Amino acid sequence: MTTQQLVNEIRKKKSFLCIGLDVDLNKIPQHLLQEEDPIFSFNKAIIDATHHLCVAYKPNTAFYEAYGIKGWKSLEKTINYLNEKHPEIFTIADAKRGDIGNTSTMYAKAFFEDLSFDSVTVAPYMGKDSVEPFLAFEDKHTIMLALTSNQGAFDFQTLTVNNQELYKEVLKTSKTWNNSENLMYVVGATKAEYLAEIRQIIPNNFLLVPGVGAQGGSLTEVCKYGMNDTIGLLINSSRGIIYASTKEDFAKAAAHKAEELQKQMQAIL
């Protein structure tokens, strides 16, 4: 999916909502545990109920890797279902990969070619040769961790380097890499006050913003400082939507929560 196709979908649906599919078997409705593949059954129901309200889905691969080969098969079935039934949806493999060149190329092949995701999250700590292999794939997007929403973000990301915060140095350096126009960036919603300065460095790239809702981030504040001429935002919500109910009405409850956010986004747009 190209950036322009994503923008078109946002305008069509009047939504820039991304739903995180972070499936924990201890949290899903108990009746699904009787299914042959509880994880996929849960995801399919959530997707069927919410696909018209969002423009992206983001499975966090840790929640699938934790269940071994069965989990990977559930992930594969989920992405195949999305690509077959809803090709207009932008898909994000939240894998936070990042290693030296040849290894990064193999990670990229795994998510871009084998699983056919539109994008994958990466950690930039190892620098240029750990990220550029992802950027080499045409019409695929690399979503780089920039300023995250967790408490430990302040351990390194905001330290002063060359008279500026480290995350700003990372942002500026990443713009010099090959195919950097295919970069998106993760910026936590709880760091909304930083968005104005971030936009001065990367005015045109999309930002994936977790932390709205369950982590206390403000949608209004994020949009105020982070939105650009092409919207430029994907707001992710995971737990607040997919675990809205643990009963048999879980999909309907998820749709209700997703619609609440979509309506707010429509008003902002």
Foldseek 3Di string as FASTA:
>chain_A
DAPVLLLVLCVVLLELEEEELLDDPVQAAPVLVVDPQSSLVLLVLQCVLAVSLHQEYEYALVSQVVVPPSSVVSLLVNLVCCCVVPVSHAYEHADQAWDAQVVLLVVLCVCCPVSNHQEYEYEQPVHQRRQVSNLVDPSHAYEYEQQEDDPCSVVQQQDDDPNGGNSLVVLQVLVPHPNSLRYEYEHELVVLVCLQVVCVSVVDAAYEYECPDPNPGDPVSNQVRHQHPSGRYRYYDYCQQQSLDNHPCSSVSSNVSSVVNSVVSSVVD
